[in-house]
C-alpha atoms as a PDB file:
ATOM      1  CA  MET A   1     -12.712   9.989 -10.023  1.00  0.00           C
ATOM      2  CA  PRO A   2     -13.508   7.407  -7.299  1.00  0.00           C
ATOM      3  CA  SER A   3     -16.648   6.446  -9.216  1.00  0.00           C
ATOM      4  CA  ASP A   4     -14.414   5.224 -12.052  1.00  0.00           C
ATOM      5  CA  PHE A   5     -13.084   2.496  -9.779  1.00  0.00           C
ATOM      6  CA  ALA A   6     -16.526   1.369  -8.547  1.00  0.00           C
ATOM      7  CA  PRO A   7     -16.858  -1.543 -11.037  1.00  0.00           C
ATOM      8  CA  ILE A   8     -13.362  -2.775 -10.200  1.00  0.00           C
ATOM      9  CA  SER A   9     -14.050  -2.515  -6.468  1.00  0.00           C
ATOM     10  CA  ALA A  10     -17.362  -4.348  -6.878  1.00  0.00           C
ATOM     11  CA  LEU A  11     -15.659  -7.116  -8.859  1.00  0.00           C
ATOM     12  CA  LEU A  12     -12.909  -7.433  -6.263  1.00  0.00           C
ATOM     13  CA  ILE A  13     -15.388  -7.597  -3.368  1.00  0.00           C
ATOM     14  CA  LEU A  14     -17.589 -10.077  -5.234  1.00  0.00           C
ATOM     15  CA  SER A  15     -14.678 -12.371  -6.134  1.00  0.00           C
ATOM     16  CA  VAL A  16     -13.327 -12.397  -2.571  1.00  0.00           C
ATOM     17  CA  ALA A  17     -16.817 -13.063  -1.189  1.00  0.00           C
ATOM     18  CA  VAL A  18     -17.489 -15.920  -3.627  1.00  0.00           C
ATOM     19  CA  SER A  19     -14.112 -17.539  -2.924  1.00  0.00           C
ATOM     20  CA  LEU A  20     -14.647 -17.335   0.846  1.00  0.00           C
ATOM     21  CA  ILE A  21     -18.160 -18.767   0.509  1.00  0.00           C
ATOM     22  CA  ILE A  22     -16.896 -21.665  -1.614  1.00  0.00           C
ATOM     23  CA  VAL A  23     -14.131 -22.480   0.861  1.00  0.00           C
ATOM     24  CA  PHE A  24     -16.524 -22.260   3.823  1.00  0.00           C
ATOM     25  CA  ILE A  25     -19.203 -24.431   2.172  1.00  0.00           C
ATOM     26  CA  SER A  26     -16.692 -27.073   1.060  1.00  0.00           C
ATOM     27  CA  ARG A  27     -15.259 -27.214   4.573  1.00  0.00           C
ATOM     28  CA  LEU A  28     -18.733 -27.402   6.084  1.00  0.00           C
ATOM     29  CA  LEU A  29     -20.321 -29.942   3.727  1.00  0.00           C
ATOM     30  CA  GLY A  30     -17.317 -31.864   2.437  1.00  0.00           C
ATOM     31  CA  PRO A  31     -15.769 -34.919   4.024  1.00  0.00           C
ATOM     32  CA  PHE A  32     -13.140 -34.067   6.606  1.00  0.00           C
ATOM     33  CA  HIS A  33     -11.667 -36.933   8.591  1.00  0.00           C
ATOM     34  CA  PRO A  34      -8.186 -35.927   9.711  1.00  0.00           C
ATOM     35  CA  THR A  35      -5.871 -38.697  10.815  1.00  0.00           C
ATOM     36  CA  THR A  36      -2.211 -38.572  11.681  1.00  0.00           C
ATOM     37  CA  ARG A  37      -1.395 -40.289   8.418  1.00  0.00           C
ATOM     38  CA  LYS A  38      -3.392 -37.784   6.354  1.00  0.00           C
ATOM     39  CA  LEU A  39      -1.880 -34.819   8.146  1.00  0.00           C
ATOM     40  CA  SER A  40       1.713 -36.046   7.853  1.00  0.00           C
ATOM     41  CA  PRO A  41       3.962 -34.479   5.213  1.00  0.00           C
ATOM     42  CA  TYR A  42       4.389 -36.526   2.061  1.00  0.00           C
ATOM     43  CA  GLU A  43       7.040 -36.050  -0.562  1.00  0.00           C
ATOM     44  CA  SER A  44       7.597 -38.316  -3.548  1.00  0.00           C
ATOM     45  CA  GLY A  45       6.610 -41.436  -1.650  1.00  0.00           C
ATOM     46  CA  MET A  46       9.381 -41.021   0.904  1.00  0.00           C
ATOM     47  CA  GLN A  47       9.320 -39.943   4.495  1.00  0.00           C
ATOM     48  CA  PRO A  48      10.831 -36.464   4.734  1.00  0.00           C
ATOM     49  CA  PHE A  49      14.072 -36.133   6.633  1.00  0.00           C
ATOM     50  CA  GLY A  50      15.778 -33.072   8.004  1.00  0.00           C
ATOM     51  CA  GLU A  51      14.246 -29.663   8.408  1.00  0.00           C
ATOM     52  CA  ALA A  52      11.715 -28.441   5.892  1.00  0.00           C
ATOM     53  CA  ILE A  53      13.155 -24.943   5.915  1.00  0.00           C
ATOM     54  CA  ARG A  54      16.691 -24.631   4.634  1.00  0.00           C
ATOM     55  CA  ARG A  55      18.698 -21.759   3.338  1.00  0.00           C
ATOM     56  CA  ILE A  56      18.848 -21.332  -0.399  1.00  0.00           C
ATOM     57  CA  PRO A  57      21.905 -19.586  -1.809  1.00  0.00           C
ATOM     58  CA  VAL A  58      21.395 -16.060  -3.111  1.00  0.00           C
ATOM     59  CA  LYS A  59      22.727 -17.056  -6.536  1.00  0.00           C
ATOM     60  CA  PHE A  60      19.416 -18.751  -7.368  1.00  0.00           C
ATOM     61  CA  TYR A  61      17.503 -15.541  -6.671  1.00  0.00           C
ATOM     62  CA  ARG A  62      20.064 -13.488  -8.565  1.00  0.00           C
ATOM     63  CA  ILE A  63      19.800 -15.707 -11.646  1.00  0.00           C
ATOM     64  CA  ALA A  64      15.994 -15.605 -11.442  1.00  0.00           C
ATOM     65  CA  VAL A  65      15.907 -11.817 -11.207  1.00  0.00           C
ATOM     66  CA  LEU A  66      18.351 -11.464 -14.092  1.00  0.00           C
ATOM     67  CA  PHE A  67      16.289 -13.852 -16.204  1.00  0.00           C
ATOM     68  CA  ILE A  68      13.096 -11.901 -15.509  1.00  0.00           C
ATOM     69  CA  LEU A  69      14.847  -8.596 -16.160  1.00  0.00           C
ATOM     70  CA  PHE A  70      16.298  -9.574 -19.526  1.00  0.00           C
ATOM     71  CA  ASP A  71      13.204 -11.551 -20.498  1.00  0.00           C
ATOM     72  CA  VAL A  72      10.901  -8.581 -19.913  1.00  0.00           C
ATOM     73  CA  GLU A  73      13.236  -6.286 -21.813  1.00  0.00           C
ATOM     74  CA  VAL A  74      13.341  -8.641 -24.783  1.00  0.00           C
ATOM     75  CA  ILE A  75       9.532  -8.718 -24.858  1.00  0.00           C
ATOM     76  CA  PHE A  76       9.633  -5.076 -25.994  1.00  0.00           C
ATOM     77  CA  PHE A  77      11.063  -6.224 -29.324  1.00  0.00           C
ATOM     78  CA  LEU A  78       7.796  -7.805 -30.497  1.00  0.00           C
ATOM     79  CA  PRO A  79       5.588  -4.678 -30.472  1.00  0.00           C
ATOM     80  CA  TRP A  80       8.439  -2.741 -32.017  1.00  0.00           C
ATOM     81  CA  ALA A  81       8.748  -5.304 -34.816  1.00  0.00           C
ATOM     82  CA  VAL A  82       5.004  -5.129 -35.479  1.00  0.00           C
ATOM     83  CA  VAL A  83       4.984  -1.344 -35.968  1.00  0.00           C
ATOM     84  CA  PHE A  84       8.536  -1.005 -37.305  1.00  0.00           C
ATOM     85  CA  ARG A  85       7.477   0.403 -40.693  1.00  0.00           C
ATOM     86  CA  ASP A  86       5.332   3.114 -39.097  1.00  0.00           C
ATOM     87  CA  PHE A  87       8.222   4.537 -37.072  1.00  0.00           C
ATOM     88  CA  LYS A  88      10.780   4.371 -39.876  1.00  0.00           C
ATOM     89  CA  LEU A  89      14.234   5.695 -38.970  1.00  0.00           C
ATOM     90  CA  TYR A  90      13.176   7.152 -35.610  1.00  0.00           C
ATOM     91  CA  GLY A  91      11.930   3.753 -34.418  1.00  0.00           C
ATOM     92  CA  LEU A  92      15.146   2.112 -35.543  1.00  0.00           C
ATOM     93  CA  ALA A  93      17.238   4.691 -33.681  1.00  0.00           C
ATOM     94  CA  VAL A  94      15.230   4.373 -30.455  1.00  0.00           C
ATOM     95  CA  MET A  95      15.378   0.573 -30.544  1.00  0.00           C
ATOM     96  CA  GLY A  96      19.085   0.775 -31.310  1.00  0.00           C
ATOM     97  CA  VAL A  97      19.639   2.840 -28.162  1.00  0.00           C
ATOM     98  CA  PHE A  98      17.456   0.430 -26.176  1.00  0.00           C
ATOM     99  CA  PHE A  99      19.380  -2.576 -27.521  1.00  0.00           C
ATOM    100  CA  PHE A 100      22.704  -0.867 -26.793  1.00  0.00           C
ATOM    101  CA  VAL A 101      21.738  -0.236 -23.156  1.00  0.00           C
ATOM    102  CA  LEU A 102      20.454  -3.817 -22.890  1.00  0.00           C
ATOM    103  CA  MET A 103      23.743  -5.175 -24.209  1.00  0.00           C
ATOM    104  CA  ILE A 104      25.768  -2.996 -21.831  1.00  0.00           C
ATOM    105  CA  GLY A 105      23.857  -4.517 -18.903  1.00  0.00           C
ATOM    106  CA  PHE A 106      24.229  -8.027 -20.300  1.00  0.00           C
ATOM    107  CA  VAL A 107      27.978  -7.687 -20.893  1.00  0.00           C
ATOM    108  CA  TYR A 108      28.406  -6.183 -17.419  1.00  0.00           C
ATOM    109  CA  GLU A 109      26.617  -9.128 -15.810  1.00  0.00           C
ATOM    110  CA  TRP A 110      28.662 -11.537 -17.893  1.00  0.00           C
ATOM    111  CA  LYS A 111      31.985  -9.920 -16.939  1.00  0.00           C
ATOM    112  CA  VAL A 112      31.110  -9.654 -13.229  1.00  0.00           C
ATOM    113  CA  GLY A 113      30.152 -13.334 -13.182  1.00  0.00           C
ATOM    114  CA  GLY A 114      26.467 -12.821 -12.422  1.00  0.00           C
ATOM    115  CA  LEU A 115      25.541 -15.528 -14.906  1.00  0.00           C
ATOM    116  CA  GLU A 116      27.829 -18.189 -13.453  1.00  0.00           C
ATOM    117  CA  TRP A 117      25.928 -21.098 -11.945  1.00  0.00           C
ATOM    118  CA  ASP A 118      28.755 -22.633  -9.880  1.00  0.00           C
END
């Protein structure tokens, strides 16, 4: 069983080694002349003001997670549509149950206010 993962392990080790070698060689041979102006933060042509780290409201994360959740669930419709004729009535029933559960979650989020941006 471990021998099955040998090619994947070799590829992983090789890719990490090559990336480290490239970074090391570019740092060693490339131009590197740090000045205070080059090392200063730059943002849209303006000097930054305030702290760089600020708290972001949880609603942004919640909306992002909900988008990913519903987006990934909707992706399951494409393979189902491709093989719809092979599954016949059973495939329609299973996708109907899946869609029903998806809509229950969507309506719940809508009623609770999880999709409100304010």
